[in-house]
Amino acid sequence: MSIVVRRAAAAVAVSGVIALSATACSSGSSGSSGTEEKAAGTSGAPPGGIPVGPGPRSPYTVQKQPEPGSCHYRYTSAKEPLPDPKCSPGATNPKVTQDTIKSTICCSGYTSDIRPSTNITSREKTANAASYGYKGNLRDAEYDHLISLQLGGDPNDPRNLWVQPPSPGHKPGAGPNNPKDVVENKLKAAICAGKTQLAKAQQAIARDWTTALSVLGIQATGTPRETSDADDG
């Protein structure tokens, strides 16, 4: 093989590695030094007023929740629960932007790589239930990411997590059965198909998950329920 041919082959191999790296999932997790967390926690808000969280951590630590009784549920006319916007306005993952969706949320397995363990979220869930004054069975409530991981929500920022009560018609003791999950799945599919922008979907679901699909003009029926993105402790 000539020198020219060998160099051409090497160039092709290198370009292949670069292309593979560009399409691989990237969790973007980092160490949780005090300096880094403090800097991330003071990040500004993008258009729409949604706070920016610290992003994936390694390891995660239990986060302080709002004071007991300081948060208050809201309910739609259909009696679907909404969080207190002062306690739970949502928070975004800084690693997920419109430019990175193909290597993050649109990449299979991404959310499992950044999800906090139940050892962390179960303790947060109990404390957050006290924040909201939730008195029901915690097994029937979901410790929910308001902006789900698959929509670029921050994994463990307390502003992005709330104990979500069961929806109307829920059978007590049956565990979470959350129609919000279907909304999240449809929004992610629309983002990855280029039918809506990431920031618009985040703003819509943070404002009111029950109207997010209609606000964005996304078909609300016809898709079966898929696996939940939420952490439930």
Protein backbone atom coordinates (compact mmCIF):
# COMPACT_ATOMS: atom_id res chain seq x y z
CA MET A 1 0.00 0.00 0.00
CA SER A 2 1.41 3.41 -0.95
CA ILE A 3 1.97 6.20 1.57
CA VAL A 4 -0.82 8.22 -0.07
CA VAL A 5 -3.31 5.34 0.25
CA ARG A 6 -2.34 4.68 3.88
CA ARG A 7 -2.82 8.36 4.75
CA ALA A 8 -6.23 8.42 3.06
CA ALA A 9 -7.33 5.32 4.98
CA ALA A 10 -6.16 6.84 8.25
CA ALA A 11 -8.11 10.03 7.52
CA VAL A 12 -11.29 8.04 6.88
CA ALA A 13 -10.84 6.13 10.15
CA VAL A 14 -10.35 9.32 12.12
CA SER A 15 -13.40 10.95 10.54
CA GLY A 16 -15.44 7.88 11.43
CA VAL A 17 -14.42 8.15 15.08
CA ILE A 18 -15.32 11.84 15.11
CA ALA A 19 -18.73 11.14 13.58
CA LEU A 20 -19.39 8.39 16.12
CA SER A 21 -18.44 10.64 19.00
CA ALA A 22 -20.74 13.38 17.73
CA THR A 23 -23.76 11.08 17.77
CA ALA A 24 -23.07 9.34 21.10
CA CYS A 25 -25.22 10.13 24.13
CA SER A 26 -23.63 12.60 26.51
CA SER A 27 -24.80 12.84 30.12
CA GLY A 28 -22.62 15.86 30.84
CA SER A 29 -22.44 14.85 34.51
CA SER A 30 -19.68 16.35 36.59
CA GLY A 31 -18.35 16.37 40.10
CA SER A 32 -20.27 18.31 42.71
CA SER A 33 -17.64 20.51 44.27
CA GLY A 34 -19.06 23.31 46.41
CA THR A 35 -17.70 26.00 44.09
CA GLU A 36 -19.22 24.40 41.02
CA GLU A 37 -22.65 23.90 42.60
CA LYS A 38 -22.75 27.44 43.87
CA ALA A 39 -21.90 28.81 40.43
CA ALA A 40 -24.50 26.63 38.76
CA GLY A 41 -27.17 27.53 41.29
CA THR A 42 -26.83 31.23 40.47
CA SER A 43 -27.30 30.75 36.73
CA GLY A 44 -29.67 33.15 35.04
CA ALA A 45 -33.01 32.30 33.47
CA PRO A 46 -33.52 31.93 29.72
CA PRO A 47 -36.43 33.61 27.90
CA GLY A 48 -39.63 32.46 29.58
CA GLY A 49 -38.29 32.92 33.08
CA ILE A 50 -37.37 29.29 33.80
CA PRO A 51 -34.37 28.95 36.16
CA VAL A 52 -31.27 27.07 35.01
CA GLY A 53 -30.26 24.27 37.35
CA PRO A 54 -26.81 22.86 38.09
CA GLY A 55 -27.26 19.94 35.69
CA PRO A 56 -26.21 16.31 36.14
CA ARG A 57 -24.06 15.64 39.22
CA SER A 58 -21.80 12.79 40.25
CA PRO A 59 -22.67 12.04 42.94
CA TYR A 60 -26.07 13.56 43.71
CA THR A 61 -26.82 14.81 47.19
CA VAL A 62 -30.17 15.23 48.99
CA GLN A 63 -31.47 18.74 48.31
CA LYS A 64 -33.16 20.97 50.87
CA GLN A 65 -36.87 21.38 50.20
CA PRO A 66 -39.14 24.38 50.88
CA GLU A 67 -40.34 24.86 54.44
CA PRO A 68 -43.24 22.61 55.54
CA GLY A 69 -46.61 24.05 54.56
CA SER A 70 -45.09 26.82 52.46
CA CYS A 71 -46.22 25.43 49.09
CA HIS A 72 -49.78 25.18 47.82
CA TYR A 73 -51.26 23.06 45.03
CA ARG A 74 -53.35 24.59 42.28
CA TYR A 75 -55.99 22.66 40.35
CA THR A 76 -57.41 22.97 36.87
CA SER A 77 -61.15 23.00 36.20
CA ALA A 78 -60.81 19.25 35.58
CA LYS A 79 -59.22 18.87 39.05
CA GLU A 80 -55.78 18.02 37.69
CA PRO A 81 -53.00 19.11 40.07
CA LEU A 82 -50.50 21.85 39.28
CA PRO A 83 -47.52 22.90 41.43
CA ASP A 84 -46.98 26.15 43.28
CA PRO A 85 -45.03 28.36 40.84
CA LYS A 86 -43.15 30.00 43.70
CA CYS A 87 -41.89 26.66 45.04
CA SER A 88 -41.71 24.67 41.83
CA PRO A 89 -41.26 26.91 38.76
CA GLY A 90 -39.23 24.26 36.98
CA ALA A 91 -35.50 24.28 36.22
CA THR A 92 -33.61 23.31 33.08
CA ASN A 93 -30.53 21.17 32.57
CA PRO A 94 -27.79 23.45 31.16
CA LYS A 95 -26.34 20.51 29.23
CA VAL A 96 -29.50 20.25 27.12
CA THR A 97 -29.98 22.98 24.52
CA GLN A 98 -31.51 23.10 21.06
CA ASP A 99 -28.00 22.50 19.69
CA THR A 100 -27.35 19.41 21.84
CA ILE A 101 -30.68 17.55 21.68
CA LYS A 102 -29.37 14.90 19.26
CA SER A 103 -26.66 13.84 21.72
CA THR A 104 -28.82 14.23 24.84
CA ILE A 105 -32.59 13.87 25.06
CA CYS A 106 -33.03 12.48 21.53
CA CYS A 107 -30.41 9.80 22.22
CA SER A 108 -31.74 6.49 23.58
CA GLY A 109 -30.83 5.88 27.22
CA TYR A 110 -29.92 9.47 28.03
CA THR A 111 -32.31 9.95 30.95
CA SER A 112 -31.27 6.73 32.70
CA ASP A 113 -27.68 8.00 32.80
CA ILE A 114 -28.56 11.21 34.64
CA ARG A 115 -31.41 10.10 36.93
CA PRO A 116 -30.76 10.45 40.68
CA SER A 117 -31.11 7.23 42.66
CA THR A 118 -34.16 6.53 44.81
CA ASN A 119 -31.85 6.69 47.82
CA ILE A 120 -31.72 10.42 47.11
CA THR A 121 -35.21 11.09 45.77
CA SER A 122 -37.13 9.09 48.38
CA ARG A 123 -35.83 11.36 51.14
CA GLU A 124 -36.51 14.46 49.07
CA LYS A 125 -40.01 13.19 48.30
CA THR A 126 -40.90 12.84 51.98
CA ALA A 127 -39.64 16.35 52.72
CA ASN A 128 -41.38 17.82 49.69
CA ALA A 129 -44.68 16.22 50.71
CA ALA A 130 -44.39 18.20 53.93
CA SER A 131 -43.61 21.35 51.90
CA TYR A 132 -46.92 20.92 50.06
CA GLY A 133 -48.86 19.58 53.03
CA TYR A 134 -49.62 16.39 51.12
CA LYS A 135 -51.39 13.95 53.44
CA GLY A 136 -52.22 11.12 51.05
CA ASN A 137 -50.43 7.82 50.50
CA LEU A 138 -46.99 8.66 49.12
CA ARG A 139 -47.10 5.49 47.00
CA ASP A 140 -49.98 7.01 45.06
CA ALA A 141 -48.14 10.30 44.48
CA GLU A 142 -45.29 10.82 42.05
CA TYR A 143 -42.13 12.75 42.87
CA ASP A 144 -42.27 14.44 39.52
CA HIS A 145 -39.86 16.48 37.44
CA LEU A 146 -42.05 19.40 36.38
CA ILE A 147 -39.87 19.71 33.27
CA SER A 148 -39.10 16.04 32.74
CA LEU A 149 -35.60 14.72 32.11
CA GLN A 150 -36.58 13.87 28.54
CA LEU A 151 -37.50 17.53 27.99
CA GLY A 152 -34.21 18.84 29.35
CA GLY A 153 -35.32 19.36 32.93
CA ASP A 154 -32.73 19.51 35.68
CA PRO A 155 -32.32 16.11 37.40
CA ASN A 156 -32.22 17.20 41.04
CA ASP A 157 -32.85 20.93 41.36
CA PRO A 158 -35.60 21.23 44.03
CA ARG A 159 -37.28 23.90 41.89
CA ASN A 160 -37.94 21.23 39.26
CA LEU A 161 -39.41 18.56 41.57
CA TRP A 162 -42.74 18.31 43.36
CA VAL A 163 -44.90 15.64 44.94
CA GLN A 164 -47.68 15.35 42.37
CA PRO A 165 -51.00 14.08 43.77
CA PRO A 166 -52.99 11.45 41.86
CA SER A 167 -55.25 12.63 39.04
CA PRO A 168 -59.05 12.35 39.30
CA GLY A 169 -60.35 8.79 39.01
CA HIS A 170 -57.22 7.27 40.49
CA LYS A 171 -57.78 4.09 42.49
CA PRO A 172 -56.27 4.46 45.98
CA GLY A 173 -53.35 2.12 46.55
CA ALA A 174 -52.80 1.51 42.83
CA GLY A 175 -49.60 3.55 42.66
CA PRO A 176 -48.93 6.51 40.34
CA ASN A 177 -50.83 6.62 37.06
CA ASN A 178 -49.96 10.01 35.75
CA PRO A 179 -51.46 11.43 32.52
CA LYS A 180 -48.71 14.07 32.56
CA ASP A 181 -46.31 11.33 31.41
CA VAL A 182 -48.17 11.04 28.10
CA VAL A 183 -47.83 14.78 27.56
CA GLU A 184 -44.08 14.56 28.21
CA ASN A 185 -43.64 11.72 25.73
CA LYS A 186 -45.50 13.60 23.01
CA LEU A 187 -43.50 16.76 23.60
CA LYS A 188 -40.20 14.90 23.39
CA ALA A 189 -41.27 13.22 20.14
CA ALA A 190 -42.22 16.61 18.69
CA ILE A 191 -38.89 18.15 19.73
CA CYS A 192 -36.83 15.33 18.26
CA ALA A 193 -38.90 15.39 15.05
CA GLY A 194 -38.28 19.10 14.65
CA LYS A 195 -41.96 19.97 15.13
CA THR A 196 -41.38 22.28 18.08
CA GLN A 197 -38.48 23.98 19.81
CA LEU A 198 -37.02 22.74 23.09
CA ALA A 199 -37.48 26.07 24.92
CA LYS A 200 -41.11 26.38 23.82
CA ALA A 201 -41.91 22.88 25.10
CA GLN A 202 -40.18 23.58 28.41
CA GLN A 203 -42.08 26.82 28.89
CA ALA A 204 -45.42 25.23 27.99
CA ILE A 205 -45.14 22.30 30.41
CA ALA A 206 -43.75 24.45 33.22
CA ARG A 207 -46.71 26.82 32.87
CA ASP A 208 -49.46 24.16 32.75
CA TRP A 209 -48.86 20.54 31.74
CA THR A 210 -52.55 20.06 30.95
CA THR A 211 -52.51 22.68 28.16
CA ALA A 212 -48.95 22.22 26.85
CA LEU A 213 -49.92 20.13 23.83
CA SER A 214 -52.73 22.40 22.70
CA VAL A 215 -50.61 25.53 23.18
CA LEU A 216 -47.97 24.07 20.86
CA GLY A 217 -50.48 22.64 18.38
CA ILE A 218 -49.49 19.03 19.03
CA GLN A 219 -52.04 16.25 18.61
CA ALA A 220 -53.21 15.19 22.07
CA THR A 221 -54.70 11.77 21.27
CA GLY A 222 -53.78 8.61 19.49
CA THR A 223 -50.52 7.63 21.22
CA PRO A 224 -50.47 4.86 23.83
CA ARG A 225 -49.03 5.51 27.25
CA GLU A 226 -45.26 5.06 27.31
CA THR A 227 -42.74 4.55 30.09
CA SER A 228 -42.72 7.35 32.62
CA ASP A 229 -39.71 9.62 32.78
CA ALA A 230 -40.41 10.55 36.37
CA ASP A 231 -38.56 9.48 39.47
CA ASP A 232 -40.88 8.01 42.05
CA GLY A 233 -39.43 7.28 45.46
